Amino acid sequence: MIYILPTDTCFWIACGLDDIKSYERIYKIKKRSLDKPLAILVPDFNWLEKNTELTKEQVNFLKTYNKPFTILTESPHVSVWINFVNDENGEEFLNRWVYEKFAFRVANNKTQDRLLKENGPMFMTSANISNEPEIYTSREIKEKFAEALEKWHIKFVWENTWVIPKNPPSEIFEFVWETLEQKFIRK
């Protein structure tokens, strides 16, 4: 199942980490290049500490970070998923080669919490056509994705969030080794 949901930056489009068919559909719907990986939404900082290469000190730093962020890091746990090939049907992630590191976002609202409880960690990206502006209203979502909403039964989960304030995109960075020094990809 594919979901469209509100966040602290814009509307996102997402699917479960183990849903290969929906993962591929997200690329088609967005007209996204296969050389661009998707980020992963996780439930909390505890998940990051247990399932990534981040140190406890780095996770504590992120807990107090005062802007929306996406953190790049390695994750042996997610690497297993992304490199899985189903021997029965040959199903695999069509662009698993683009994931040297993974980009993680931590859930920040009740809608995300609920979807993560239902699906576990989720692949996600902004709900817009690639190279077009981000979407901040449910009306724009319905206009831009009308065909996809109908064709692929995308679930639009807005829970009374009709308009999202136009906030800047998240900062994307990684830590330098085991220090708190950040290397920014987008600031």
N, C-alpha and C. Protein backbone atom coordinates (compact mmCIF):
# COMPACT_ATOMS: atom_id res chain seq x y z
N MET A 1 0.85 -1.18 0.00
CA MET A 1 0.00 0.00 0.00
C MET A 1 0.89 1.24 0.00
N ILE A 2 0.49 2.23 -0.76
CA ILE A 2 1.17 3.52 -0.80
C ILE A 2 0.33 4.52 -0.01
N TYR A 3 1.00 5.35 0.75
CA TYR A 3 0.33 6.36 1.57
C TYR A 3 0.84 7.74 1.20
N ILE A 4 -0.04 8.73 1.29
CA ILE A 4 0.36 10.14 1.24
C ILE A 4 -0.02 10.71 2.58
N LEU A 5 0.92 11.41 3.23
CA LEU A 5 0.70 11.88 4.59
C LEU A 5 1.39 13.22 4.85
N PRO A 6 0.90 13.96 5.84
CA PRO A 6 1.52 15.23 6.19
C PRO A 6 2.76 15.04 7.06
N THR A 7 3.68 15.99 6.96
CA THR A 7 4.87 15.97 7.80
C THR A 7 5.15 17.39 8.29
N ASP A 8 6.31 17.56 8.90
CA ASP A 8 6.70 18.89 9.37
C ASP A 8 7.30 19.75 8.27
N THR A 9 7.45 19.20 7.06
CA THR A 9 8.01 19.99 5.96
C THR A 9 7.07 20.11 4.77
N CYS A 10 6.41 19.04 4.37
CA CYS A 10 5.47 19.02 3.24
C CYS A 10 4.73 17.69 3.28
N PHE A 11 3.90 17.42 2.26
CA PHE A 11 3.29 16.09 2.18
C PHE A 11 4.33 15.10 1.64
N TRP A 12 4.27 13.86 2.15
CA TRP A 12 5.16 12.79 1.71
C TRP A 12 4.35 11.68 1.08
N ILE A 13 5.05 10.86 0.30
CA ILE A 13 4.49 9.62 -0.23
C ILE A 13 5.36 8.50 0.33
N ALA A 14 4.73 7.41 0.79
CA ALA A 14 5.48 6.39 1.51
C ALA A 14 4.91 4.99 1.29
N CYS A 15 5.73 3.98 1.60
CA CYS A 15 5.29 2.58 1.60
C CYS A 15 6.15 1.81 2.59
N GLY A 16 5.68 0.65 2.99
CA GLY A 16 6.41 -0.19 3.91
C GLY A 16 7.76 -0.61 3.34
N LEU A 17 8.72 -0.81 4.21
CA LEU A 17 10.08 -1.17 3.83
C LEU A 17 10.13 -2.47 3.04
N ASP A 18 9.18 -3.36 3.27
CA ASP A 18 9.19 -4.66 2.59
C ASP A 18 8.22 -4.75 1.41
N ASP A 19 7.67 -3.62 0.99
CA ASP A 19 6.68 -3.59 -0.09
C ASP A 19 7.35 -3.18 -1.41
N ILE A 20 7.95 -4.14 -2.07
CA ILE A 20 8.74 -3.87 -3.28
C ILE A 20 7.87 -3.30 -4.40
N LYS A 21 6.67 -3.82 -4.59
CA LYS A 21 5.80 -3.33 -5.67
C LYS A 21 5.42 -1.86 -5.46
N SER A 22 5.05 -1.49 -4.24
CA SER A 22 4.71 -0.09 -3.96
C SER A 22 5.94 0.80 -4.08
N TYR A 23 7.09 0.30 -3.67
CA TYR A 23 8.35 1.04 -3.81
C TYR A 23 8.57 1.41 -5.28
N GLU A 24 8.39 0.45 -6.18
CA GLU A 24 8.56 0.72 -7.61
C GLU A 24 7.51 1.70 -8.12
N ARG A 25 6.28 1.58 -7.61
CA ARG A 25 5.21 2.48 -8.05
C ARG A 25 5.50 3.92 -7.63
N ILE A 26 6.11 4.11 -6.48
CA ILE A 26 6.46 5.47 -6.05
C ILE A 26 7.38 6.12 -7.08
N TYR A 27 8.37 5.38 -7.56
CA TYR A 27 9.25 5.91 -8.60
C TYR A 27 8.48 6.27 -9.86
N LYS A 28 7.53 5.44 -10.27
CA LYS A 28 6.73 5.71 -11.46
C LYS A 28 5.83 6.92 -11.26
N ILE A 29 5.15 6.96 -10.13
CA ILE A 29 4.22 8.06 -9.84
C ILE A 29 4.95 9.40 -9.83
N LYS A 30 6.11 9.44 -9.19
CA LYS A 30 6.87 10.69 -9.07
C LYS A 30 7.71 11.01 -10.30
N LYS A 31 7.85 10.01 -11.20
CA LYS A 31 8.76 10.15 -12.34
C LYS A 31 10.17 10.42 -11.82
N ARG A 32 10.55 9.66 -10.81
CA ARG A 32 11.82 9.83 -10.10
C ARG A 32 12.90 8.97 -10.75
N SER A 33 14.06 9.53 -10.90
CA SER A 33 15.20 8.79 -11.44
C SER A 33 15.60 7.67 -10.48
N LEU A 34 15.92 6.51 -11.02
CA LEU A 34 16.29 5.36 -10.19
C LEU A 34 17.63 5.56 -9.48
N ASP A 35 18.40 6.56 -9.87
CA ASP A 35 19.67 6.79 -9.18
C ASP A 35 19.51 7.66 -7.93
N LYS A 36 18.26 7.99 -7.59
CA LYS A 36 17.97 8.75 -6.37
C LYS A 36 17.28 7.84 -5.36
N PRO A 37 17.96 7.52 -4.26
CA PRO A 37 17.34 6.64 -3.26
C PRO A 37 16.21 7.36 -2.51
N LEU A 38 15.38 6.57 -1.85
CA LEU A 38 14.33 7.12 -0.99
C LEU A 38 14.84 7.15 0.45
N ALA A 39 14.29 8.04 1.24
CA ALA A 39 14.62 8.09 2.66
C ALA A 39 13.76 7.05 3.39
N ILE A 40 14.05 6.86 4.67
CA ILE A 40 13.32 5.87 5.46
C ILE A 40 12.81 6.54 6.73
N LEU A 41 11.52 6.41 6.96
CA LEU A 41 10.87 6.94 8.16
C LEU A 41 10.92 5.86 9.24
N VAL A 42 11.42 6.23 10.41
CA VAL A 42 11.51 5.28 11.53
C VAL A 42 10.75 5.84 12.73
N PRO A 43 10.37 4.95 13.66
CA PRO A 43 9.49 5.39 14.75
C PRO A 43 10.10 6.33 15.77
N ASP A 44 11.39 6.15 16.08
CA ASP A 44 11.96 6.95 17.16
C ASP A 44 13.48 6.87 17.16
N PHE A 45 14.07 7.61 18.08
CA PHE A 45 15.53 7.66 18.19
C PHE A 45 16.09 6.34 18.70
N ASN A 46 15.32 5.64 19.50
CA ASN A 46 15.73 4.33 19.98
C ASN A 46 15.97 3.38 18.80
N TRP A 47 15.09 3.45 17.79
CA TRP A 47 15.26 2.62 16.59
C TRP A 47 16.58 2.96 15.91
N LEU A 48 16.89 4.25 15.79
CA LEU A 48 18.16 4.66 15.17
C LEU A 48 19.36 4.08 15.92
N GLU A 49 19.29 4.16 17.26
CA GLU A 49 20.40 3.68 18.07
C GLU A 49 20.60 2.18 17.92
N LYS A 50 19.52 1.43 17.81
CA LYS A 50 19.61 -0.03 17.73
C LYS A 50 19.93 -0.54 16.33
N ASN A 51 19.55 0.20 15.28
CA ASN A 51 19.61 -0.33 13.92
C ASN A 51 20.51 0.41 12.95
N THR A 52 21.28 1.37 13.44
CA THR A 52 22.21 2.08 12.56
C THR A 52 23.59 2.10 13.19
N GLU A 53 24.52 2.71 12.47
CA GLU A 53 25.89 2.82 12.95
C GLU A 53 26.09 4.09 13.80
N LEU A 54 25.02 4.82 14.10
CA LEU A 54 25.14 6.03 14.92
C LEU A 54 25.52 5.66 16.35
N THR A 55 26.36 6.50 16.96
CA THR A 55 26.72 6.29 18.36
C THR A 55 25.62 6.85 19.26
N LYS A 56 25.64 6.47 20.51
CA LYS A 56 24.67 6.99 21.49
C LYS A 56 24.79 8.52 21.57
N GLU A 57 26.00 9.02 21.55
CA GLU A 57 26.23 10.47 21.60
C GLU A 57 25.62 11.17 20.38
N GLN A 58 25.75 10.57 19.19
CA GLN A 58 25.18 11.16 17.99
C GLN A 58 23.66 11.14 18.04
N VAL A 59 23.08 10.05 18.51
CA VAL A 59 21.62 9.97 18.63
C VAL A 59 21.12 11.01 19.63
N ASN A 60 21.81 11.18 20.75
CA ASN A 60 21.42 12.20 21.73
C ASN A 60 21.50 13.60 21.13
N PHE A 61 22.50 13.85 20.29
CA PHE A 61 22.61 15.13 19.59
C PHE A 61 21.37 15.35 18.71
N LEU A 62 20.97 14.32 17.97
CA LEU A 62 19.81 14.43 17.08
C LEU A 62 18.52 14.70 17.84
N LYS A 63 18.41 14.15 19.04
CA LYS A 63 17.20 14.35 19.85
C LYS A 63 16.96 15.83 20.14
N THR A 64 18.01 16.61 20.20
CA THR A 64 17.88 18.03 20.53
C THR A 64 18.07 18.94 19.32
N TYR A 65 18.21 18.34 18.12
CA TYR A 65 18.40 19.15 16.92
C TYR A 65 17.13 19.95 16.68
N ASN A 66 17.25 21.26 16.43
CA ASN A 66 16.07 22.13 16.43
C ASN A 66 15.45 22.40 15.06
N LYS A 67 15.85 21.67 14.03
CA LYS A 67 15.27 21.82 12.69
C LYS A 67 14.92 20.44 12.15
N PRO A 68 13.99 20.38 11.19
CA PRO A 68 13.75 19.09 10.55
C PRO A 68 15.06 18.59 9.92
N PHE A 69 15.36 17.30 10.12
CA PHE A 69 16.61 16.77 9.59
C PHE A 69 16.42 15.39 8.99
N THR A 70 17.32 15.06 8.11
CA THR A 70 17.46 13.71 7.56
C THR A 70 18.91 13.33 7.81
N ILE A 71 19.12 12.20 8.48
CA ILE A 71 20.48 11.79 8.84
C ILE A 71 20.92 10.62 7.94
N LEU A 72 22.09 10.77 7.35
CA LEU A 72 22.67 9.70 6.53
C LEU A 72 23.58 8.85 7.39
N THR A 73 23.41 7.55 7.31
CA THR A 73 24.26 6.63 8.05
C THR A 73 24.12 5.23 7.47
N GLU A 74 24.98 4.35 7.91
CA GLU A 74 24.88 2.96 7.50
C GLU A 74 23.93 2.22 8.44
N SER A 75 23.32 1.16 7.90
CA SER A 75 22.41 0.35 8.69
C SER A 75 22.47 -1.09 8.20
N PRO A 76 23.18 -1.95 8.92
CA PRO A 76 23.20 -3.37 8.53
C PRO A 76 21.79 -3.96 8.45
N HIS A 77 20.91 -3.52 9.35
CA HIS A 77 19.53 -4.02 9.39
C HIS A 77 18.81 -3.72 8.07
N VAL A 78 18.89 -2.48 7.59
CA VAL A 78 18.21 -2.10 6.36
C VAL A 78 18.92 -2.68 5.14
N SER A 79 20.23 -2.82 5.20
CA SER A 79 20.99 -3.42 4.10
C SER A 79 20.47 -4.82 3.78
N VAL A 80 20.11 -5.57 4.81
CA VAL A 80 19.57 -6.91 4.59
C VAL A 80 18.29 -6.82 3.76
N TRP A 81 17.40 -5.87 4.12
CA TRP A 81 16.14 -5.71 3.38
C TRP A 81 16.37 -5.30 1.95
N ILE A 82 17.20 -4.29 1.76
CA ILE A 82 17.36 -3.72 0.42
C ILE A 82 18.07 -4.69 -0.52
N ASN A 83 18.86 -5.59 0.01
CA ASN A 83 19.58 -6.56 -0.83
C ASN A 83 18.87 -7.91 -0.94
N PHE A 84 17.67 -8.00 -0.38
CA PHE A 84 16.91 -9.24 -0.43
C PHE A 84 16.44 -9.53 -1.86
N VAL A 85 16.60 -10.77 -2.29
CA VAL A 85 16.05 -11.24 -3.56
C VAL A 85 15.17 -12.44 -3.23
N ASN A 86 13.91 -12.37 -3.64
CA ASN A 86 12.98 -13.46 -3.40
C ASN A 86 13.26 -14.58 -4.38
N ASP A 87 13.77 -15.69 -3.89
CA ASP A 87 14.12 -16.82 -4.76
C ASP A 87 12.92 -17.43 -5.48
N GLU A 88 11.76 -17.30 -4.89
CA GLU A 88 10.56 -17.88 -5.50
C GLU A 88 10.11 -17.14 -6.76
N ASN A 89 10.18 -15.80 -6.72
CA ASN A 89 9.69 -15.04 -7.87
C ASN A 89 10.71 -14.06 -8.45
N GLY A 90 11.92 -14.05 -7.91
CA GLY A 90 12.97 -13.17 -8.43
C GLY A 90 12.78 -11.70 -8.08
N GLU A 91 11.80 -11.40 -7.24
CA GLU A 91 11.50 -10.02 -6.88
C GLU A 91 12.64 -9.42 -6.07
N GLU A 92 13.05 -8.20 -6.44
CA GLU A 92 14.11 -7.50 -5.73
C GLU A 92 13.94 -6.00 -5.93
N PHE A 93 14.63 -5.20 -5.13
CA PHE A 93 14.59 -3.74 -5.29
C PHE A 93 15.33 -3.37 -6.57
N LEU A 94 14.64 -2.66 -7.46
CA LEU A 94 15.17 -2.40 -8.78
C LEU A 94 16.42 -1.51 -8.78
N ASN A 95 16.69 -0.80 -7.71
CA ASN A 95 17.85 0.11 -7.69
C ASN A 95 18.64 -0.02 -6.38
N ARG A 96 18.75 -1.21 -5.88
CA ARG A 96 19.42 -1.40 -4.59
C ARG A 96 20.86 -0.92 -4.60
N TRP A 97 21.47 -0.80 -5.74
CA TRP A 97 22.85 -0.35 -5.89
C TRP A 97 23.05 1.11 -5.48
N VAL A 98 21.98 1.92 -5.37
CA VAL A 98 22.14 3.34 -5.02
C VAL A 98 22.28 3.57 -3.52
N TYR A 99 22.08 2.53 -2.72
CA TYR A 99 22.07 2.69 -1.28
C TYR A 99 23.42 2.33 -0.65
N GLU A 100 24.35 3.29 -0.67
CA GLU A 100 25.61 3.10 0.06
C GLU A 100 25.38 3.39 1.54
N LYS A 101 24.62 4.44 1.80
CA LYS A 101 24.17 4.81 3.14
C LYS A 101 22.67 5.04 3.03
N PHE A 102 22.01 5.13 4.17
CA PHE A 102 20.57 5.33 4.19
C PHE A 102 20.25 6.67 4.83
N ALA A 103 19.20 7.31 4.34
CA ALA A 103 18.74 8.59 4.85
C ALA A 103 17.53 8.34 5.74
N PHE A 104 17.64 8.69 7.02
CA PHE A 104 16.57 8.42 7.98
C PHE A 104 15.90 9.70 8.45
N ARG A 105 14.57 9.62 8.57
CA ARG A 105 13.77 10.66 9.23
C ARG A 105 13.08 9.99 10.40
N VAL A 106 12.93 10.71 11.50
CA VAL A 106 12.26 10.19 12.69
C VAL A 106 10.83 10.73 12.71
N ALA A 107 9.88 9.85 12.99
CA ALA A 107 8.46 10.23 13.04
C ALA A 107 8.26 11.43 13.96
N ASN A 108 7.35 12.33 13.55
CA ASN A 108 7.14 13.54 14.34
C ASN A 108 5.68 13.93 14.50
N ASN A 109 4.76 13.01 14.14
CA ASN A 109 3.35 13.31 14.40
C ASN A 109 2.56 12.01 14.57
N LYS A 110 1.30 12.12 15.01
CA LYS A 110 0.48 10.94 15.32
C LYS A 110 0.17 10.11 14.07
N THR A 111 0.00 10.76 12.93
CA THR A 111 -0.27 10.03 11.69
C THR A 111 0.90 9.11 11.37
N GLN A 112 2.11 9.65 11.45
CA GLN A 112 3.30 8.84 11.17
C GLN A 112 3.44 7.71 12.19
N ASP A 113 3.21 8.02 13.46
CA ASP A 113 3.29 6.99 14.50
C ASP A 113 2.33 5.83 14.19
N ARG A 114 1.11 6.16 13.81
CA ARG A 114 0.11 5.13 13.53
C ARG A 114 0.52 4.28 12.33
N LEU A 115 0.98 4.93 11.25
CA LEU A 115 1.38 4.19 10.06
C LEU A 115 2.59 3.29 10.34
N LEU A 116 3.52 3.76 11.16
CA LEU A 116 4.68 2.95 11.51
C LEU A 116 4.28 1.74 12.36
N LYS A 117 3.29 1.91 13.23
CA LYS A 117 2.81 0.76 14.02
C LYS A 117 2.17 -0.28 13.11
N GLU A 118 1.50 0.17 12.05
CA GLU A 118 0.85 -0.75 11.11
C GLU A 118 1.84 -1.40 10.14
N ASN A 119 2.87 -0.66 9.72
CA ASN A 119 3.74 -1.09 8.62
C ASN A 119 5.20 -1.32 8.99
N GLY A 120 5.65 -0.85 10.14
CA GLY A 120 7.08 -0.85 10.43
C GLY A 120 7.74 0.31 9.68
N PRO A 121 9.07 0.38 9.66
CA PRO A 121 9.75 1.47 8.95
C PRO A 121 9.27 1.57 7.51
N MET A 122 9.27 2.81 6.98
CA MET A 122 8.69 3.05 5.66
C MET A 122 9.63 3.85 4.78
N PHE A 123 9.72 3.44 3.51
CA PHE A 123 10.38 4.27 2.51
C PHE A 123 9.51 5.50 2.30
N MET A 124 10.13 6.66 2.11
CA MET A 124 9.35 7.86 1.89
C MET A 124 10.14 8.91 1.14
N THR A 125 9.41 9.83 0.55
CA THR A 125 9.97 10.97 -0.17
C THR A 125 8.87 12.02 -0.30
N SER A 126 9.23 13.21 -0.69
CA SER A 126 8.21 14.25 -0.83
C SER A 126 7.18 13.84 -1.88
N ALA A 127 5.92 14.17 -1.62
CA ALA A 127 4.82 13.81 -2.52
C ALA A 127 4.66 14.89 -3.58
N ASN A 128 5.53 14.84 -4.55
CA ASN A 128 5.47 15.75 -5.69
C ASN A 128 6.06 15.02 -6.89
N ILE A 129 5.83 15.54 -8.06
CA ILE A 129 6.49 15.01 -9.24
C ILE A 129 7.94 15.50 -9.18
N SER A 130 8.89 14.64 -9.51
CA SER A 130 10.31 15.02 -9.43
C SER A 130 10.57 16.33 -10.17
N ASN A 131 11.38 17.16 -9.55
CA ASN A 131 11.79 18.47 -10.06
C ASN A 131 10.65 19.50 -10.08
N GLU A 132 9.54 19.19 -9.44
CA GLU A 132 8.47 20.17 -9.26
C GLU A 132 8.44 20.57 -7.80
N PRO A 133 7.83 21.70 -7.47
CA PRO A 133 7.79 22.15 -6.07
C PRO A 133 7.08 21.17 -5.14
N GLU A 134 7.45 21.23 -3.87
CA GLU A 134 6.79 20.41 -2.86
C GLU A 134 5.32 20.80 -2.77
N ILE A 135 4.52 19.90 -2.22
CA ILE A 135 3.08 20.12 -2.11
C ILE A 135 2.72 20.35 -0.64
N TYR A 136 1.91 21.39 -0.40
CA TYR A 136 1.55 21.79 0.97
C TYR A 136 0.06 21.75 1.26
N THR A 137 -0.78 21.42 0.25
CA THR A 137 -2.21 21.39 0.50
C THR A 137 -2.81 20.08 0.01
N SER A 138 -3.88 19.64 0.68
CA SER A 138 -4.55 18.41 0.26
C SER A 138 -5.19 18.59 -1.12
N ARG A 139 -5.61 19.80 -1.44
CA ARG A 139 -6.19 20.08 -2.76
C ARG A 139 -5.17 19.80 -3.85
N GLU A 140 -3.92 20.27 -3.67
CA GLU A 140 -2.86 20.01 -4.65
C GLU A 140 -2.57 18.52 -4.79
N ILE A 141 -2.59 17.80 -3.67
CA ILE A 141 -2.37 16.35 -3.71
C ILE A 141 -3.43 15.70 -4.59
N LYS A 142 -4.68 16.05 -4.34
CA LYS A 142 -5.78 15.45 -5.10
C LYS A 142 -5.70 15.81 -6.58
N GLU A 143 -5.23 17.01 -6.90
CA GLU A 143 -5.09 17.42 -8.31
C GLU A 143 -3.93 16.69 -8.98
N LYS A 144 -2.77 16.71 -8.36
CA LYS A 144 -1.55 16.13 -8.96
C LYS A 144 -1.60 14.61 -9.04
N PHE A 145 -2.23 13.98 -8.07
CA PHE A 145 -2.18 12.52 -7.97
C PHE A 145 -3.53 11.86 -8.17
N ALA A 146 -4.48 12.56 -8.80
CA ALA A 146 -5.83 12.02 -8.97
C ALA A 146 -5.80 10.64 -9.62
N GLU A 147 -5.09 10.51 -10.72
CA GLU A 147 -5.05 9.22 -11.43
C GLU A 147 -4.38 8.14 -10.58
N ALA A 148 -3.26 8.48 -9.95
CA ALA A 148 -2.55 7.50 -9.12
C ALA A 148 -3.38 7.12 -7.90
N LEU A 149 -4.07 8.08 -7.31
CA LEU A 149 -4.92 7.78 -6.15
C LEU A 149 -5.99 6.76 -6.53
N GLU A 150 -6.53 6.89 -7.73
CA GLU A 150 -7.56 5.97 -8.18
C GLU A 150 -6.97 4.65 -8.68
N LYS A 151 -5.95 4.73 -9.51
CA LYS A 151 -5.38 3.54 -10.17
C LYS A 151 -4.72 2.58 -9.18
N TRP A 152 -3.91 3.12 -8.29
CA TRP A 152 -3.14 2.25 -7.40
C TRP A 152 -3.67 2.27 -5.97
N HIS A 153 -4.83 2.80 -5.78
CA HIS A 153 -5.46 2.78 -4.47
C HIS A 153 -4.54 3.32 -3.38
N ILE A 154 -3.99 4.46 -3.66
CA ILE A 154 -3.14 5.14 -2.68
C ILE A 154 -4.01 5.66 -1.57
N LYS A 155 -3.58 5.48 -0.37
CA LYS A 155 -4.34 5.96 0.78
C LYS A 155 -3.81 7.33 1.19
N PHE A 156 -4.67 8.33 1.11
CA PHE A 156 -4.31 9.68 1.50
C PHE A 156 -4.69 9.84 2.96
N VAL A 157 -3.71 9.91 3.84
CA VAL A 157 -3.93 9.94 5.29
C VAL A 157 -3.58 11.35 5.79
N TRP A 158 -4.58 12.20 5.86
CA TRP A 158 -4.26 13.57 6.27
C TRP A 158 -4.79 13.92 7.64
N GLU A 159 -5.77 13.22 8.13
CA GLU A 159 -6.32 13.43 9.47
C GLU A 159 -6.48 14.92 9.83
N ASN A 160 -7.29 15.60 9.07
CA ASN A 160 -7.62 17.01 9.29
C ASN A 160 -6.47 17.98 9.03
N THR A 161 -5.41 17.51 8.38
CA THR A 161 -4.33 18.41 7.98
C THR A 161 -4.57 18.76 6.52
N TRP A 162 -5.22 19.87 6.30
CA TRP A 162 -5.56 20.28 4.94
C TRP A 162 -4.45 21.11 4.31
N VAL A 163 -3.74 21.87 5.17
CA VAL A 163 -2.67 22.74 4.68
C VAL A 163 -1.49 22.62 5.63
N ILE A 164 -0.31 22.47 5.06
CA ILE A 164 0.92 22.42 5.85
C ILE A 164 1.65 23.75 5.64
N PRO A 165 2.12 24.39 6.71
CA PRO A 165 2.88 25.63 6.53
C PRO A 165 4.09 25.39 5.62
N LYS A 166 4.42 26.36 4.79
CA LYS A 166 5.53 26.20 3.85
C LYS A 166 6.86 26.33 4.59
N ASN A 167 7.30 25.23 5.13
CA ASN A 167 8.59 25.17 5.82
C ASN A 167 9.67 24.75 4.83
N PRO A 168 10.91 25.13 5.11
CA PRO A 168 11.99 24.68 4.23
C PRO A 168 12.17 23.17 4.34
N PRO A 169 12.76 22.54 3.32
CA PRO A 169 13.03 21.11 3.39
C PRO A 169 13.96 20.78 4.56
N SER A 170 13.99 19.52 4.93
CA SER A 170 14.87 19.12 6.03
C SER A 170 16.34 19.32 5.64
N GLU A 171 17.15 19.54 6.66
CA GLU A 171 18.59 19.55 6.44
C GLU A 171 19.03 18.10 6.32
N ILE A 172 19.92 17.84 5.40
CA ILE A 172 20.44 16.48 5.22
C ILE A 172 21.92 16.51 5.56
N PHE A 173 22.32 15.64 6.49
CA PHE A 173 23.73 15.60 6.87
C PHE A 173 24.11 14.22 7.38
N GLU A 174 25.40 14.03 7.49
CA GLU A 174 25.94 12.83 8.13
C GLU A 174 27.01 13.28 9.11
N PHE A 175 27.29 12.43 10.07
CA PHE A 175 28.36 12.73 11.02
C PHE A 175 29.69 12.29 10.44
N VAL A 176 30.74 13.00 10.82
CA VAL A 176 32.09 12.62 10.41
C VAL A 176 32.59 11.59 11.42
N TRP A 177 32.72 10.37 10.94
CA TRP A 177 33.12 9.23 11.76
C TRP A 177 32.26 9.14 13.01
N GLU A 178 32.88 9.02 14.17
CA GLU A 178 32.11 8.89 15.41
C GLU A 178 32.01 10.21 16.18
N THR A 179 32.31 11.32 15.51
CA THR A 179 32.27 12.63 16.16
C THR A 179 30.88 13.25 15.98
N LEU A 180 30.70 14.44 16.53
CA LEU A 180 29.46 15.20 16.34
C LEU A 180 29.59 16.22 15.21
N GLU A 181 30.74 16.24 14.56
CA GLU A 181 30.93 17.13 13.42
C GLU A 181 30.02 16.67 12.28
N GLN A 182 29.31 17.62 11.66
CA GLN A 182 28.37 17.28 10.60
C GLN A 182 28.93 17.66 9.23
N LYS A 183 28.66 16.80 8.27
CA LYS A 183 28.95 17.08 6.87
C LYS A 183 27.59 17.24 6.19
N PHE A 184 27.28 18.47 5.75
CA PHE A 184 25.95 18.75 5.19
C PHE A 184 25.88 18.45 3.70
N ILE A 185 24.80 17.82 3.31
CA ILE A 185 24.49 17.58 1.90
C ILE A 185 23.49 18.65 1.46
N ARG A 186 22.57 19.03 2.36
CA ARG A 186 21.63 20.12 2.11
C ARG A 186 21.40 20.85 3.42
N LYS A 187 21.58 22.16 3.38
CA LYS A 187 21.39 22.97 4.60
C LYS A 187 20.44 24.11 4.30
